[in-house]
Protein backbone atom coordinates (compact mmCIF):
# COMPACT_ATOMS: atom_id res chain seq x y z
CA MET A 1 -12.39 5.34 -13.92
CA LYS A 2 -8.82 4.63 -12.72
CA LEU A 3 -6.88 6.82 -10.31
CA ASN A 4 -3.05 7.01 -10.17
CA LEU A 5 -2.75 8.51 -6.70
CA GLY A 6 0.68 10.06 -6.10
CA CYS A 7 1.61 9.51 -9.75
CA GLY A 8 4.94 11.31 -9.71
CA PHE A 9 6.36 11.25 -13.21
CA ASP A 10 4.58 7.94 -13.99
CA LYS A 11 1.57 9.50 -15.65
CA ARG A 12 -0.76 6.96 -17.29
CA GLU A 13 -2.95 7.50 -20.36
CA GLY A 14 -6.70 7.14 -19.57
CA TRP A 15 -6.13 7.52 -15.84
CA LEU A 16 -6.68 10.53 -13.50
CA ASN A 17 -3.04 11.22 -12.51
CA VAL A 18 -2.94 12.99 -9.11
CA ASP A 19 0.10 14.27 -7.19
CA ASN A 20 1.09 17.07 -4.77
CA PHE A 21 4.30 17.83 -6.73
CA ALA A 22 3.46 20.46 -9.42
CA GLU A 23 6.71 19.72 -11.31
CA CYS A 24 5.28 16.27 -12.25
CA GLN A 25 2.46 18.12 -14.11
CA PRO A 26 -0.32 15.88 -12.75
CA ASP A 27 -3.86 16.11 -14.08
CA GLN A 28 -4.87 17.38 -10.67
CA LEU A 29 -2.86 18.70 -7.68
CA VAL A 30 -3.88 16.96 -4.49
CA ASP A 31 -2.12 16.78 -1.08
CA ILE A 32 -3.49 13.46 0.06
CA GLU A 33 -2.74 14.37 3.73
CA GLN A 34 -5.25 17.18 3.48
CA THR A 35 -8.68 15.58 3.72
CA PRO A 36 -11.28 15.55 2.31
CA TRP A 37 -9.92 15.17 -1.22
CA ASP A 38 -11.49 16.93 -4.14
CA LEU A 39 -12.32 13.54 -5.69
CA PRO A 40 -15.73 11.86 -6.15
CA THR A 41 -17.21 9.43 -3.65
CA ASP A 42 -17.30 5.88 -5.14
CA GLY A 43 -15.65 7.35 -8.20
CA PHE A 44 -12.87 4.80 -8.94
CA GLU A 45 -12.88 1.14 -9.85
CA PHE A 46 -9.05 0.92 -9.60
CA VAL A 47 -6.52 3.00 -7.63
CA LEU A 48 -2.79 2.70 -7.95
CA MET A 49 -0.57 3.97 -5.14
CA LYS A 50 3.00 3.27 -6.17
CA HIS A 51 5.51 4.26 -3.49
CA VAL A 52 3.18 6.78 -1.90
CA LEU A 53 1.68 5.32 1.23
CA GLU A 54 4.99 5.08 3.10
CA HIS A 55 5.31 8.88 2.80
CA VAL A 56 2.00 9.88 4.44
CA GLY A 57 0.47 9.70 7.87
CA ALA A 58 3.29 10.35 10.26
CA THR A 59 0.63 10.34 12.99
CA PHE A 60 -1.88 7.60 13.23
CA ASP A 61 -4.75 10.11 13.00
CA ARG A 62 -3.40 11.49 9.68
CA PHE A 63 -2.79 7.96 8.38
CA ALA A 64 -6.34 6.94 9.33
CA ALA A 65 -7.76 10.01 7.56
CA VAL A 66 -5.86 9.08 4.36
CA MET A 67 -7.15 5.51 4.51
CA ARG A 68 -10.74 6.65 5.13
CA GLU A 69 -10.46 8.98 2.05
CA LEU A 70 -9.08 6.13 -0.09
CA TYR A 71 -11.97 3.98 1.06
CA ARG A 72 -14.45 6.77 0.28
CA VAL A 73 -13.30 7.32 -3.34
CA MET A 74 -13.29 3.54 -4.11
CA GLN A 75 -16.25 1.99 -5.91
CA PRO A 76 -17.81 -1.03 -4.14
CA ASP A 77 -15.52 -4.01 -4.92
CA GLY A 78 -12.97 -1.59 -6.42
CA ILE A 79 -9.31 -2.61 -6.23
CA VAL A 80 -6.44 -0.61 -4.82
CA GLU A 81 -2.92 -1.71 -5.67
CA ILE A 82 -0.29 -0.51 -3.25
CA HIS A 83 3.48 -0.70 -3.70
CA VAL A 84 5.73 0.12 -0.75
CA PRO A 85 9.44 -0.48 -0.05
CA HIS A 86 10.02 -3.53 2.14
CA PHE A 87 10.77 -2.46 5.72
CA ARG A 88 13.96 -4.51 5.77
CA HIS A 89 15.53 -2.95 2.71
CA ASP A 90 17.85 0.05 2.58
CA THR A 91 15.46 1.79 0.17
CA TYR A 92 12.99 2.13 3.04
CA TRP A 93 15.46 3.44 5.62
CA SER A 94 17.45 5.66 3.24
CA ASP A 95 14.63 8.10 2.53
CA PRO A 96 13.98 10.42 5.53
CA THR A 97 10.50 11.17 4.17
CA HIS A 98 9.35 7.56 4.77
CA VAL A 99 7.21 7.66 7.89
CA ARG A 100 5.44 4.30 8.01
CA ALA A 101 6.44 0.66 7.32
CA PHE A 102 3.97 -2.09 6.17
CA THR A 103 3.63 -5.84 6.07
CA PRO A 104 0.78 -7.83 4.64
CA LEU A 105 -0.60 -8.11 8.22
CA THR A 106 -0.97 -4.33 8.28
CA PHE A 107 -3.39 -4.54 5.39
CA GLY A 108 -5.14 -7.64 6.84
CA MET A 109 -5.97 -5.53 9.90
CA MET A 110 -8.09 -3.30 7.62
CA SER A 111 -10.66 -6.09 6.95
CA LYS A 112 -13.86 -6.04 9.06
CA ARG A 113 -14.30 -9.75 8.33
CA GLN A 114 -10.81 -10.49 9.69
CA ASN A 115 -11.44 -8.13 12.66
CA ARG A 116 -14.62 -10.01 13.55
CA GLU A 117 -12.78 -13.30 13.45
CA TRP A 118 -10.08 -11.93 15.78
CA ILE A 119 -12.76 -10.52 18.12
CA ALA A 120 -14.44 -13.93 18.28
CA ALA A 121 -11.14 -15.57 18.99
CA ARG A 122 -10.25 -12.80 21.49
CA ALA A 123 -7.04 -12.30 19.53
CA ASN A 124 -4.52 -9.57 20.42
CA TYR A 125 -4.52 -7.50 17.19
CA THR A 126 -5.48 -3.94 16.52
CA MET A 127 -8.86 -3.89 14.83
CA LEU A 128 -7.87 -1.23 12.30
CA ALA A 129 -10.92 -1.68 10.10
CA PHE A 130 -13.19 -0.68 12.97
CA VAL A 131 -10.80 1.94 14.42
CA MET A 132 -10.45 3.67 11.01
CA ASP A 133 -13.92 2.78 9.76
CA VAL A 134 -12.74 1.20 6.50
CA ASP A 135 -13.23 -2.29 5.03
CA PHE A 136 -10.57 -3.50 2.70
CA GLU A 137 -10.17 -7.21 1.97
CA LEU A 138 -6.61 -8.30 1.29
CA GLU A 139 -6.88 -9.97 -2.12
CA GLY A 140 -3.18 -10.70 -2.52
CA ALA A 141 0.36 -9.78 -1.53
CA SER A 142 3.63 -10.31 -3.35
CA GLN A 143 7.16 -9.25 -2.90
CA THR A 144 9.89 -8.18 -5.33
CA TYR A 145 13.33 -9.45 -4.54
CA ASP A 146 16.45 -7.32 -4.73
CA SER A 147 18.12 -7.95 -8.11
CA HIS A 148 21.32 -9.12 -6.47
CA TRP A 149 19.40 -11.96 -4.68
CA TRP A 150 17.09 -12.80 -7.55
CA LYS A 151 20.16 -13.25 -9.81
CA LYS A 152 21.24 -16.11 -7.50
CA VAL A 153 18.02 -17.94 -8.27
CA GLU A 154 18.29 -17.28 -11.99
CA ASP A 155 21.93 -18.47 -11.95
CA GLY A 156 21.00 -21.65 -10.01
CA VAL A 157 23.07 -20.68 -7.00
CA MET A 158 20.01 -20.96 -4.74
CA THR A 159 16.44 -22.20 -4.98
CA ARG A 160 13.32 -20.09 -4.51
CA ASP A 161 12.74 -21.79 -1.18
CA GLU A 162 16.23 -20.92 -0.07
CA LEU A 163 15.64 -17.30 -1.17
CA ARG A 164 12.40 -17.14 0.89
CA LEU A 165 14.25 -18.43 3.93
CA GLU A 166 17.02 -15.87 3.42
CA ALA A 167 14.36 -13.19 3.10
CA SER A 168 12.88 -14.14 6.46
CA ARG A 169 16.13 -13.57 8.28
CA SER A 170 18.22 -11.09 6.30
CA TRP A 171 18.05 -7.49 5.28
CA ASN A 172 18.06 -6.23 1.64
CA VAL A 173 16.65 -9.44 0.16
CA VAL A 174 13.11 -8.20 -0.50
CA ARG A 175 13.00 -4.79 -2.10
CA GLU A 176 9.25 -4.11 -2.39
CA LEU A 177 5.90 -5.30 -1.11
CA GLN A 178 2.87 -5.13 -3.40
CA VAL A 179 -0.67 -5.67 -2.10
CA ARG A 180 -4.14 -5.68 -3.75
CA LEU A 181 -7.04 -4.68 -1.61
CA ARG A 182 -10.78 -4.84 -2.46
CA ALA A 183 -13.07 -2.20 -1.04
CA VAL A 184 -15.95 -3.90 0.73
CA LYS A 185 -19.00 -1.63 0.68
């Protein structure tokens, strides 16, 4: 089964579409900050969270509770795909309901394998997988460029390497971060 968690108006056929906004007419009303969720343990092979996670967990305890619930409802080796606005784009900062920014490293911290490597190396990272009692392996991360900047590549004004360099030092170049996590159970 597939779960579209925080579906908004993007309801998908054949999925369980869940949201807290009744006007979206989801299949099921769920406030994901109120745990536990009325969803089955190990019930989903795939979860999509598209522009949801940046809105929840203003406190770390609430964020950790949301991530524990996400982990609980995932089947072993299930995949969760998360889309969030890039923290250096105006779309992140313009919405006062955004409470948390993310980078690929944030999600890497949710891997017990990675945490064990850092512990062995005595590295100075927060061992989120152990702190939150979750285990997500980062399967991949990609970014979507702002259309203004991507057009420069399409028009031959700059190369992809030049665009990546610009993204590392400038605001409003990368619009969105997308990650795929695998639930290790």
